[in-house]
Amino acid sequence: MTGTPSDWIKLASFSSVFEAELAVAALETARIPALVIGHQKSGIFGAGFQGPVIGGVEVRVPTSMLDDAWEIIASMSPRAGKRQP
């Protein structure tokens, strides 16, 4: 892991663990470390279901890599939305 937990920042929120894990895989392929926060929550249809998770899950990256990470997430989907300041 790069830096301390306080050096990591929220990159994006996802409605399911599956979507968040896809984003993490893309980031790690680009050599950007990433964490999924909230992955221990059960989907609305129970544990093991990869559908929506109440409250969603978030992906965090080192603050110093936020701009590069956002470019990767934005290129994955036209629905990625706008980056929040």
N, C-alpha and C. Protein backbone atom coordinates (compact mmCIF):
# COMPACT_ATOMS: atom_id res chain seq x y z
N MET A 1 0.85 -1.17 0.00
CA MET A 1 0.00 0.00 0.00
C MET A 1 0.89 1.23 0.00
N THR A 2 0.44 2.27 -0.69
CA THR A 2 1.20 3.51 -0.81
C THR A 2 0.70 4.53 0.19
N GLY A 3 1.60 5.06 1.01
CA GLY A 3 1.22 6.10 1.96
C GLY A 3 0.42 5.57 3.14
N THR A 4 -0.12 6.50 3.90
CA THR A 4 -0.96 6.16 5.05
C THR A 4 -2.41 6.32 4.66
N PRO A 5 -3.33 5.75 5.43
CA PRO A 5 -4.75 5.88 5.08
C PRO A 5 -5.21 7.32 4.87
N SER A 6 -4.60 8.25 5.58
CA SER A 6 -5.00 9.66 5.41
C SER A 6 -4.52 10.24 4.08
N ASP A 7 -3.61 9.53 3.40
CA ASP A 7 -3.11 9.98 2.10
C ASP A 7 -3.98 9.46 0.95
N TRP A 8 -5.02 8.72 1.25
CA TRP A 8 -5.90 8.15 0.23
C TRP A 8 -7.19 8.96 0.18
N ILE A 9 -7.77 9.06 -1.00
CA ILE A 9 -8.97 9.88 -1.20
C ILE A 9 -10.01 9.11 -2.00
N LYS A 10 -11.25 9.43 -1.76
CA LYS A 10 -12.34 8.79 -2.50
C LYS A 10 -12.28 9.21 -3.96
N LEU A 11 -12.26 8.21 -4.83
CA LEU A 11 -12.26 8.45 -6.27
C LEU A 11 -13.68 8.41 -6.81
N ALA A 12 -14.44 7.39 -6.43
CA ALA A 12 -15.78 7.21 -6.97
C ALA A 12 -16.59 6.29 -6.07
N SER A 13 -17.91 6.38 -6.20
CA SER A 13 -18.83 5.48 -5.52
C SER A 13 -19.50 4.60 -6.57
N PHE A 14 -19.78 3.37 -6.18
CA PHE A 14 -20.43 2.41 -7.07
C PHE A 14 -21.58 1.77 -6.33
N SER A 15 -22.59 1.35 -7.08
CA SER A 15 -23.76 0.74 -6.45
C SER A 15 -23.54 -0.72 -6.11
N SER A 16 -22.51 -1.34 -6.70
CA SER A 16 -22.25 -2.76 -6.39
C SER A 16 -20.76 -3.00 -6.23
N VAL A 17 -20.44 -4.05 -5.48
CA VAL A 17 -19.04 -4.44 -5.29
C VAL A 17 -18.43 -4.85 -6.62
N PHE A 18 -19.21 -5.52 -7.46
CA PHE A 18 -18.71 -5.96 -8.76
C PHE A 18 -18.20 -4.78 -9.59
N GLU A 19 -18.97 -3.70 -9.66
CA GLU A 19 -18.54 -2.51 -10.42
C GLU A 19 -17.27 -1.91 -9.82
N ALA A 20 -17.23 -1.85 -8.50
CA ALA A 20 -16.06 -1.29 -7.84
C ALA A 20 -14.82 -2.14 -8.11
N GLU A 21 -14.99 -3.45 -8.08
CA GLU A 21 -13.84 -4.34 -8.34
C GLU A 21 -13.36 -4.21 -9.79
N LEU A 22 -14.27 -3.99 -10.73
CA LEU A 22 -13.85 -3.75 -12.11
C LEU A 22 -13.00 -2.49 -12.21
N ALA A 23 -13.43 -1.45 -11.51
CA ALA A 23 -12.67 -0.20 -11.51
C ALA A 23 -11.29 -0.40 -10.89
N VAL A 24 -11.24 -1.13 -9.79
CA VAL A 24 -9.95 -1.39 -9.13
C VAL A 24 -9.03 -2.18 -10.06
N ALA A 25 -9.57 -3.16 -10.76
CA ALA A 25 -8.76 -3.95 -11.69
C ALA A 25 -8.17 -3.06 -12.78
N ALA A 26 -8.97 -2.14 -13.31
CA ALA A 26 -8.48 -1.22 -14.35
C ALA A 26 -7.40 -0.30 -13.78
N LEU A 27 -7.61 0.18 -12.57
CA LEU A 27 -6.62 1.06 -11.94
C LEU A 27 -5.31 0.31 -11.67
N GLU A 28 -5.42 -0.89 -11.15
CA GLU A 28 -4.22 -1.66 -10.84
C GLU A 28 -3.46 -2.06 -12.10
N THR A 29 -4.18 -2.28 -13.20
CA THR A 29 -3.52 -2.55 -14.48
C THR A 29 -2.66 -1.36 -14.89
N ALA A 30 -3.12 -0.17 -14.55
CA ALA A 30 -2.37 1.06 -14.85
C ALA A 30 -1.38 1.40 -13.73
N ARG A 31 -1.16 0.47 -12.83
CA ARG A 31 -0.23 0.62 -11.71
C ARG A 31 -0.63 1.72 -10.74
N ILE A 32 -1.94 1.88 -10.58
CA ILE A 32 -2.47 2.81 -9.58
C ILE A 32 -3.11 1.96 -8.48
N PRO A 33 -2.55 2.00 -7.27
CA PRO A 33 -3.15 1.21 -6.19
C PRO A 33 -4.53 1.74 -5.85
N ALA A 34 -5.43 0.84 -5.49
CA ALA A 34 -6.79 1.24 -5.17
C ALA A 34 -7.38 0.29 -4.13
N LEU A 35 -8.31 0.82 -3.34
CA LEU A 35 -8.99 0.05 -2.31
C LEU A 35 -10.50 0.17 -2.50
N VAL A 36 -11.21 -0.91 -2.20
CA VAL A 36 -12.67 -0.88 -2.17
C VAL A 36 -13.08 -0.77 -0.71
N ILE A 37 -13.84 0.24 -0.38
CA ILE A 37 -14.33 0.45 0.98
C ILE A 37 -15.82 0.13 1.00
N GLY A 38 -16.23 -0.75 1.90
CA GLY A 38 -17.64 -1.12 2.01
C GLY A 38 -17.95 -2.44 1.34
N HIS A 39 -16.91 -3.18 0.91
CA HIS A 39 -17.12 -4.43 0.19
C HIS A 39 -17.68 -5.53 1.09
N GLN A 40 -17.62 -5.35 2.39
CA GLN A 40 -18.13 -6.37 3.28
C GLN A 40 -19.66 -6.33 3.43
N LYS A 41 -20.28 -5.33 2.85
CA LYS A 41 -21.74 -5.23 2.91
C LYS A 41 -22.38 -6.28 2.00
N SER A 42 -23.55 -6.75 2.39
CA SER A 42 -24.29 -7.70 1.56
C SER A 42 -25.12 -6.95 0.54
N GLY A 43 -25.28 -7.55 -0.64
CA GLY A 43 -26.16 -6.98 -1.64
C GLY A 43 -27.60 -7.02 -1.15
N ILE A 44 -28.47 -6.28 -1.78
CA ILE A 44 -29.86 -6.21 -1.31
C ILE A 44 -30.57 -7.55 -1.41
N PHE A 45 -30.01 -8.49 -2.18
CA PHE A 45 -30.61 -9.81 -2.29
C PHE A 45 -29.81 -10.86 -1.52
N GLY A 46 -28.91 -10.41 -0.64
CA GLY A 46 -28.18 -11.33 0.21
C GLY A 46 -26.71 -11.44 -0.13
N ALA A 47 -26.01 -12.10 0.76
CA ALA A 47 -24.57 -12.28 0.59
C ALA A 47 -24.27 -13.06 -0.68
N GLY A 48 -23.21 -12.67 -1.35
CA GLY A 48 -22.81 -13.35 -2.57
C GLY A 48 -23.46 -12.82 -3.82
N PHE A 49 -24.50 -12.04 -3.68
CA PHE A 49 -25.16 -11.44 -4.84
C PHE A 49 -24.39 -10.20 -5.25
N GLN A 50 -24.09 -10.08 -6.53
CA GLN A 50 -23.27 -8.97 -6.99
C GLN A 50 -24.09 -7.77 -7.44
N GLY A 51 -25.30 -7.68 -6.99
CA GLY A 51 -26.15 -6.54 -7.34
C GLY A 51 -25.93 -5.36 -6.41
N PRO A 52 -26.88 -4.44 -6.40
CA PRO A 52 -26.75 -3.22 -5.61
C PRO A 52 -26.53 -3.48 -4.13
N VAL A 53 -25.72 -2.63 -3.52
CA VAL A 53 -25.44 -2.68 -2.09
C VAL A 53 -26.02 -1.41 -1.48
N ILE A 54 -26.80 -1.58 -0.44
CA ILE A 54 -27.39 -0.41 0.22
C ILE A 54 -26.27 0.48 0.72
N GLY A 55 -26.28 1.72 0.35
CA GLY A 55 -25.24 2.67 0.73
C GLY A 55 -24.07 2.69 -0.23
N GLY A 56 -24.01 1.71 -1.14
CA GLY A 56 -22.95 1.67 -2.13
C GLY A 56 -21.58 1.35 -1.55
N VAL A 57 -20.61 1.32 -2.41
CA VAL A 57 -19.21 1.10 -2.02
C VAL A 57 -18.37 2.17 -2.70
N GLU A 58 -17.23 2.45 -2.14
CA GLU A 58 -16.39 3.47 -2.75
C GLU A 58 -15.00 2.92 -3.06
N VAL A 59 -14.38 3.55 -4.02
CA VAL A 59 -13.00 3.21 -4.39
C VAL A 59 -12.13 4.39 -3.99
N ARG A 60 -11.05 4.08 -3.30
CA ARG A 60 -10.09 5.11 -2.88
C ARG A 60 -8.74 4.87 -3.53
N VAL A 61 -8.05 5.95 -3.79
CA VAL A 61 -6.71 5.91 -4.38
C VAL A 61 -5.81 6.88 -3.63
N PRO A 62 -4.49 6.73 -3.78
CA PRO A 62 -3.60 7.73 -3.16
C PRO A 62 -3.90 9.12 -3.73
N THR A 63 -3.92 10.10 -2.87
CA THR A 63 -4.23 11.47 -3.28
C THR A 63 -3.35 11.92 -4.43
N SER A 64 -2.10 11.55 -4.42
CA SER A 64 -1.17 11.98 -5.46
C SER A 64 -1.48 11.38 -6.83
N MET A 65 -2.33 10.36 -6.88
CA MET A 65 -2.65 9.69 -8.14
C MET A 65 -4.09 9.93 -8.58
N LEU A 66 -4.77 10.84 -7.91
CA LEU A 66 -6.19 11.07 -8.18
C LEU A 66 -6.47 11.46 -9.62
N ASP A 67 -5.72 12.39 -10.18
CA ASP A 67 -5.98 12.84 -11.55
C ASP A 67 -5.84 11.70 -12.56
N ASP A 68 -4.77 10.92 -12.44
CA ASP A 68 -4.58 9.79 -13.36
C ASP A 68 -5.68 8.75 -13.18
N ALA A 69 -6.05 8.51 -11.92
CA ALA A 69 -7.09 7.52 -11.64
C ALA A 69 -8.43 7.97 -12.23
N TRP A 70 -8.74 9.24 -12.11
CA TRP A 70 -10.01 9.74 -12.65
C TRP A 70 -10.06 9.55 -14.16
N GLU A 71 -8.97 9.79 -14.85
CA GLU A 71 -8.94 9.62 -16.31
C GLU A 71 -9.28 8.17 -16.69
N ILE A 72 -8.77 7.23 -15.93
CA ILE A 72 -9.04 5.82 -16.21
C ILE A 72 -10.51 5.49 -15.96
N ILE A 73 -11.04 5.95 -14.85
CA ILE A 73 -12.45 5.68 -14.53
C ILE A 73 -13.35 6.33 -15.58
N ALA A 74 -13.06 7.56 -15.96
CA ALA A 74 -13.88 8.27 -16.94
C ALA A 74 -13.84 7.59 -18.30
N SER A 75 -12.71 6.97 -18.63
CA SER A 75 -12.61 6.29 -19.93
C SER A 75 -13.35 4.95 -19.95
N MET A 76 -13.68 4.43 -18.78
CA MET A 76 -14.36 3.14 -18.71
C MET A 76 -15.83 3.24 -19.11
N SER A 77 -16.43 4.39 -18.87
CA SER A 77 -17.86 4.52 -19.12
C SER A 77 -18.22 5.97 -19.38
N PRO A 78 -19.06 6.21 -20.39
CA PRO A 78 -19.51 7.58 -20.62
C PRO A 78 -20.43 8.06 -19.49
N ARG A 79 -20.89 7.13 -18.66
CA ARG A 79 -21.76 7.48 -17.54
C ARG A 79 -20.98 7.75 -16.26
N ALA A 80 -19.66 7.84 -16.37
CA ALA A 80 -18.83 8.02 -15.19
C ALA A 80 -19.16 9.33 -14.46
N GLY A 81 -19.73 10.26 -15.17
CA GLY A 81 -20.13 11.51 -14.53
C GLY A 81 -18.98 12.50 -14.45
N LYS A 82 -19.24 13.57 -13.75
CA LYS A 82 -18.23 14.62 -13.61
C LYS A 82 -17.46 14.41 -12.32
N ARG A 83 -16.21 14.77 -12.38
CA ARG A 83 -15.38 14.67 -11.20
C ARG A 83 -15.77 15.78 -10.25
N GLN A 84 -15.89 15.41 -8.99
CA GLN A 84 -16.22 16.38 -7.98
C GLN A 84 -14.94 17.06 -7.49
N PRO A 85 -14.99 18.38 -7.29
CA PRO A 85 -13.78 19.10 -6.82
C PRO A 85 -13.41 18.69 -5.41
